[in-house]
C-alpha atoms as a PDB file:
ATOM      1  CA  MET A   1      88.746 132.444  38.861  1.00  0.00           C
ATOM      2  CA  VAL A   2      89.677 130.554  41.893  1.00  0.00           C
ATOM      3  CA  THR A   3      93.321 129.984  42.485  1.00  0.00           C
ATOM      4  CA  ILE A   4      95.139 126.790  43.196  1.00  0.00           C
ATOM      5  CA  GLU A   5      96.077 128.384  46.457  1.00  0.00           C
ATOM      6  CA  GLU A   6      92.471 128.845  47.377  1.00  0.00           C
ATOM      7  CA  LYS A   7      91.334 125.499  46.272  1.00  0.00           C
ATOM      8  CA  LEU A   8      93.940 123.848  48.477  1.00  0.00           C
ATOM      9  CA  THR A   9      93.101 126.138  51.450  1.00  0.00           C
ATOM     10  CA  LEU A  10      89.286 125.215  51.190  1.00  0.00           C
ATOM     11  CA  MET A  11      90.071 121.683  50.445  1.00  0.00           C
ATOM     12  CA  GLU A  12      91.920 121.446  53.783  1.00  0.00           C
ATOM     13  CA  LEU A  13      88.950 123.136  55.427  1.00  0.00           C
ATOM     14  CA  ILE A  14      86.561 120.610  54.239  1.00  0.00           C
ATOM     15  CA  ALA A  15      88.881 117.874  55.241  1.00  0.00           C
ATOM     16  CA  GLY A  16      89.169 119.364  58.775  1.00  0.00           C
ATOM     17  CA  TYR A  17      85.608 119.447  59.404  1.00  0.00           C
ATOM     18  CA  CYS A  18      85.100 116.051  57.931  1.00  0.00           C
ATOM     19  CA  LEU A  19      87.567 114.847  60.463  1.00  0.00           C
ATOM     20  CA  ALA A  20      85.750 116.982  63.428  1.00  0.00           C
ATOM     21  CA  SER A  21      82.663 115.216  62.554  1.00  0.00           C
ATOM     22  CA  ASP A  22      84.367 111.768  62.594  1.00  0.00           C
ATOM     23  CA  ASN A  23      85.397 112.798  65.890  1.00  0.00           C
ATOM     24  CA  LYS A  24      82.180 114.076  66.847  1.00  0.00           C
ATOM     25  CA  ASP A  25      84.140 117.236  68.176  1.00  0.00           C
ATOM     26  CA  VAL A  26      81.610 120.139  68.318  1.00  0.00           C
ATOM     27  CA  GLN A  27      84.202 122.761  68.956  1.00  0.00           C
ATOM     28  CA  ALA A  28      86.487 121.774  66.271  1.00  0.00           C
ATOM     29  CA  HIS A  29      83.679 121.500  63.849  1.00  0.00           C
ATOM     30  CA  ILE A  30      82.001 124.898  64.552  1.00  0.00           C
ATOM     31  CA  ALA A  31      85.346 126.567  64.266  1.00  0.00           C
ATOM     32  CA  TYR A  32      85.135 126.216  60.558  1.00  0.00           C
ATOM     33  CA  TYR A  33      82.036 128.418  60.470  1.00  0.00           C
ATOM     34  CA  ALA A  34      81.424 132.198  60.123  1.00  0.00           C
ATOM     35  CA  GLU A  35      79.605 133.764  63.065  1.00  0.00           C
ATOM     36  CA  GLU A  36      76.205 133.882  60.598  1.00  0.00           C
ATOM     37  CA  GLY A  37      77.266 130.482  59.111  1.00  0.00           C
ATOM     38  CA  TYR A  38      74.938 127.391  59.560  1.00  0.00           C
ATOM     39  CA  ILE A  39      73.930 123.975  58.157  1.00  0.00           C
ATOM     40  CA  THR A  40      70.848 123.191  56.002  1.00  0.00           C
ATOM     41  CA  GLY A  41      69.344 120.380  54.214  1.00  0.00           C
ATOM     42  CA  GLY A  42      69.158 116.796  55.572  1.00  0.00           C
ATOM     43  CA  MET A  43      70.497 118.267  58.928  1.00  0.00           C
ATOM     44  CA  THR A  44      69.914 121.759  59.902  1.00  0.00           C
ATOM     45  CA  THR A  45      71.347 124.156  62.594  1.00  0.00           C
ATOM     46  CA  SER A  46      70.890 127.552  63.785  1.00  0.00           C
ATOM     47  CA  PRO A  47      73.779 130.014  63.151  1.00  0.00           C
ATOM     48  CA  LYS A  48      77.130 129.363  64.929  1.00  0.00           C
ATOM     49  CA  LYS A  49      76.315 132.542  66.758  1.00  0.00           C
ATOM     50  CA  ASP A  50      72.945 131.142  68.142  1.00  0.00           C
ATOM     51  CA  ALA A  51      72.546 127.351  68.990  1.00  0.00           C
ATOM     52  CA  MET A  52      74.556 125.640  66.615  1.00  0.00           C
ATOM     53  CA  ALA A  53      76.817 123.944  69.148  1.00  0.00           C
ATOM     54  CA  GLU A  54      74.039 122.430  71.034  1.00  0.00           C
ATOM     55  CA  GLU A  55      72.278 121.480  67.712  1.00  0.00           C
ATOM     56  CA  LEU A  56      75.500 119.850  66.278  1.00  0.00           C
ATOM     57  CA  ALA A  57      76.033 117.771  69.537  1.00  0.00           C
ATOM     58  CA  GLU A  58      72.462 116.346  69.004  1.00  0.00           C
ATOM     59  CA  ILE A  59      73.157 115.458  65.435  1.00  0.00           C
ATOM     60  CA  PHE A  60      76.467 113.678  66.411  1.00  0.00           C
ATOM     61  CA  ALA A  61      74.650 111.855  69.427  1.00  0.00           C
ATOM     62  CA  MET A  62      71.783 110.801  66.806  1.00  0.00           C
ATOM     63  CA  GLU A  63      74.566 109.265  64.577  1.00  0.00           C
ATOM     64  CA  GLY A  64      75.539 106.664  67.205  1.00  0.00           C
ATOM     65  CA  THR A  65      78.365 104.685  66.205  1.00  0.00           C
ATOM     66  CA  LEU A  66      81.609 105.985  64.399  1.00  0.00           C
ATOM     67  CA  LYS A  67      80.920 107.414  61.028  1.00  0.00           C
ATOM     68  CA  ARG A  68      83.488 108.286  58.502  1.00  0.00           C
ATOM     69  CA  HIS A  69      82.997 111.410  56.212  1.00  0.00           C
ATOM     70  CA  LEU A  70      84.508 111.399  52.882  1.00  0.00           C
ATOM     71  CA  ALA A  71      84.446 114.615  50.632  1.00  0.00           C
ATOM     72  CA  MET A  72      85.312 114.019  47.000  1.00  0.00           C
ATOM     73  CA  ASN A  73      84.890 115.494  43.423  1.00  0.00           C
ATOM     74  CA  HIS A  74      85.364 119.104  44.372  1.00  0.00           C
ATOM     75  CA  GLN A  75      84.151 121.771  41.998  1.00  0.00           C
ATOM     76  CA  PHE A  76      84.945 125.535  42.761  1.00  0.00           C
ATOM     77  CA  LYS A  77      83.212 128.851  41.766  1.00  0.00           C
ATOM     78  CA  LYS A  78      83.855 132.287  42.715  1.00  0.00           C
ATOM     79  CA  VAL A  79      80.741 134.305  43.084  1.00  0.00           C
ATOM     80  CA  GLY A  80      81.803 137.878  44.074  1.00  0.00           C
ATOM     81  CA  ASN A  81      83.927 137.778  47.295  1.00  0.00           C
ATOM     82  CA  GLU A  82      82.596 134.191  48.048  1.00  0.00           C
ATOM     83  CA  ILE A  83      83.968 130.878  46.881  1.00  0.00           C
ATOM     84  CA  HIS A  84      81.365 128.184  46.496  1.00  0.00           C
ATOM     85  CA  VAL A  85      82.437 124.507  46.543  1.00  0.00           C
ATOM     86  CA  ASP A  86      79.946 121.532  45.249  1.00  0.00           C
ATOM     87  CA  TYR A  87      81.254 117.984  46.194  1.00  0.00           C
ATOM     88  CA  LEU A  88      80.223 114.607  46.900  1.00  0.00           C
ATOM     89  CA  LEU A  89      79.902 113.516  50.681  1.00  0.00           C
ATOM     90  CA  LEU A  90      80.224 109.811  51.356  1.00  0.00           C
ATOM     91  CA  VAL A  91      79.307 108.753  54.823  1.00  0.00           C
ATOM     92  CA  VAL A  92      80.364 105.187  55.892  1.00  0.00           C
ATOM     93  CA  GLU A  93      80.044 103.310  58.960  1.00  0.00           C
ATOM     94  CA  GLY A  94      83.558 103.156  60.991  1.00  0.00           C
ATOM     95  CA  GLU A  95      82.697 100.852  63.975  1.00  0.00           C
ATOM     96  CA  GLN A  96      80.264  98.130  63.048  1.00  0.00           C
ATOM     97  CA  LEU A  97      80.514  96.281  59.515  1.00  0.00           C
ATOM     98  CA  PRO A  98      81.764  98.569  56.919  1.00  0.00           C
ATOM     99  CA  GLU A  99      79.052  99.865  54.878  1.00  0.00           C
ATOM    100  CA  VAL A 100      77.882 102.988  53.077  1.00  0.00           C
ATOM    101  CA  ILE A 101      75.463 104.962  55.333  1.00  0.00           C
ATOM    102  CA  ALA A 102      74.734 107.744  53.167  1.00  0.00           C
ATOM    103  CA  THR A 103      75.815 109.946  49.956  1.00  0.00           C
ATOM    104  CA  ALA A 104      74.949 113.453  49.488  1.00  0.00           C
ATOM    105  CA  MET A 105      75.688 116.444  47.166  1.00  0.00           C
ATOM    106  CA  THR A 106      77.074 119.007  49.429  1.00  0.00           C
ATOM    107  CA  HIS A 107      77.159 122.775  48.623  1.00  0.00           C
ATOM    108  CA  ASP A 108      79.529 125.036  50.806  1.00  0.00           C
ATOM    109  CA  GLU A 109      79.700 128.904  50.674  1.00  0.00           C
ATOM    110  CA  PHE A 110      82.920 130.251  51.881  1.00  0.00           C
ATOM    111  CA  ILE A 111      83.574 133.825  52.884  1.00  0.00           C
ATOM    112  CA  GLN A 112      86.491 135.694  54.379  1.00  0.00           C
ATOM    113  CA  GLU A 113      86.101 136.467  58.086  1.00  0.00           C
ATOM    114  CA  LYS A 114      88.892 138.475  59.773  1.00  0.00           C
ATOM    115  CA  GLY A 115      91.296 137.239  56.894  1.00  0.00           C
ATOM    116  CA  THR A 116      90.368 133.800  57.222  1.00  0.00           C
ATOM    117  CA  TRP A 117      88.140 131.382  54.929  1.00  0.00           C
ATOM    118  CA  LYS A 118      84.761 130.281  56.993  1.00  0.00           C
ATOM    119  CA  ILE A 119      81.879 128.652  56.090  1.00  0.00           C
ATOM    120  CA  LYS A 120      78.785 130.759  55.435  1.00  0.00           C
ATOM    121  CA  LEU A 121      76.568 127.954  54.356  1.00  0.00           C
ATOM    122  CA  HIS A 122      76.900 124.264  54.225  1.00  0.00           C
ATOM    123  CA  ARG A 123      74.020 122.388  52.667  1.00  0.00           C
ATOM    124  CA  ASN A 124      73.680 118.612  52.362  1.00  0.00           C
ATOM    125  CA  VAL A 125      71.127 117.183  49.840  1.00  0.00           C
ATOM    126  CA  ILE A 126      71.118 113.492  50.921  1.00  0.00           C
ATOM    127  CA  ASP A 127      70.388 110.946  48.356  1.00  0.00           C
ATOM    128  CA  PRO A 128      67.348 108.762  48.775  1.00  0.00           C
ATOM    129  CA  ALA A 129      69.596 105.604  49.321  1.00  0.00           C
ATOM    130  CA  MET A 130      69.850 106.547  52.957  1.00  0.00           C
ATOM    131  CA  PHE A 131      66.312 106.753  53.668  1.00  0.00           C
ATOM    132  CA  ASN A 132      65.745 103.274  52.136  1.00  0.00           C
ATOM    133  CA  LEU A 133      68.372 102.005  54.410  1.00  0.00           C
ATOM    134  CA  MET A 134      66.638 103.781  57.273  1.00  0.00           C
ATOM    135  CA  LYS A 135      63.460 101.903  56.081  1.00  0.00           C
ATOM    136  CA  LYS A 136      65.259  98.543  55.999  1.00  0.00           C
ATOM    137  CA  TRP A 137      66.781  98.997  59.663  1.00  0.00           C
ATOM    138  CA  GLU A 138      63.137  99.953  61.057  1.00  0.00           C
ATOM    139  CA  GLU A 139      61.743  96.877  59.384  1.00  0.00           C
ATOM    140  CA  GLU A 140      64.672  94.805  60.946  1.00  0.00           C
ATOM    141  CA  GLY A 141      64.136  96.411  64.223  1.00  0.00           C
ATOM    142  CA  LYS A 142      67.166  98.357  64.384  1.00  0.00           C
ATOM    143  CA  ALA A 143      67.352 101.827  65.657  1.00  0.00           C
ATOM    144  CA  ALA A 144      67.278 104.257  62.779  1.00  0.00           C
ATOM    145  CA  LEU A 145      68.852 107.717  62.431  1.00  0.00           C
ATOM    146  CA  ASP A 146      66.150 110.628  62.581  1.00  0.00           C
ATOM    147  CA  PHE A 147      66.839 112.988  59.551  1.00  0.00           C
ATOM    148  CA  ASN A 148      64.488 115.424  57.777  1.00  0.00           C
ATOM    149  CA  GLU A 149      64.430 115.481  54.048  1.00  0.00           C
ATOM    150  CA  GLY A 150      65.161 118.983  52.533  1.00  0.00           C
END
């Protein structure tokens, strides 16, 4: 069973890396990852110990304008020594007109590394609506983000 203290700790970590993403702060964002930790899904990186910083900088640059990342509806599950957290990620435009840019189901796997909870795996399964928005932008001649589904 996941304790209340563990849930609050992990929710604070999730909020922290969402805010680091809002600020496009690569070093603050990767500080939440284990050395072997990585991102997969709609956006993918190598493990932190490899080229994650460079790849994350490219992802942030690709986003262009300010984006706000909101995490909600957390569900926690203990799996051995890990804690897995599933939640909804909502990404909204924060600079131009306020609009939802993307929604995704996110799955994080946290491990203890040197006594601190760190992300081993961060997986986003982006909902189809974002790809529909990108298609609309392309038809309107706007720059579109380049994400791979998966």
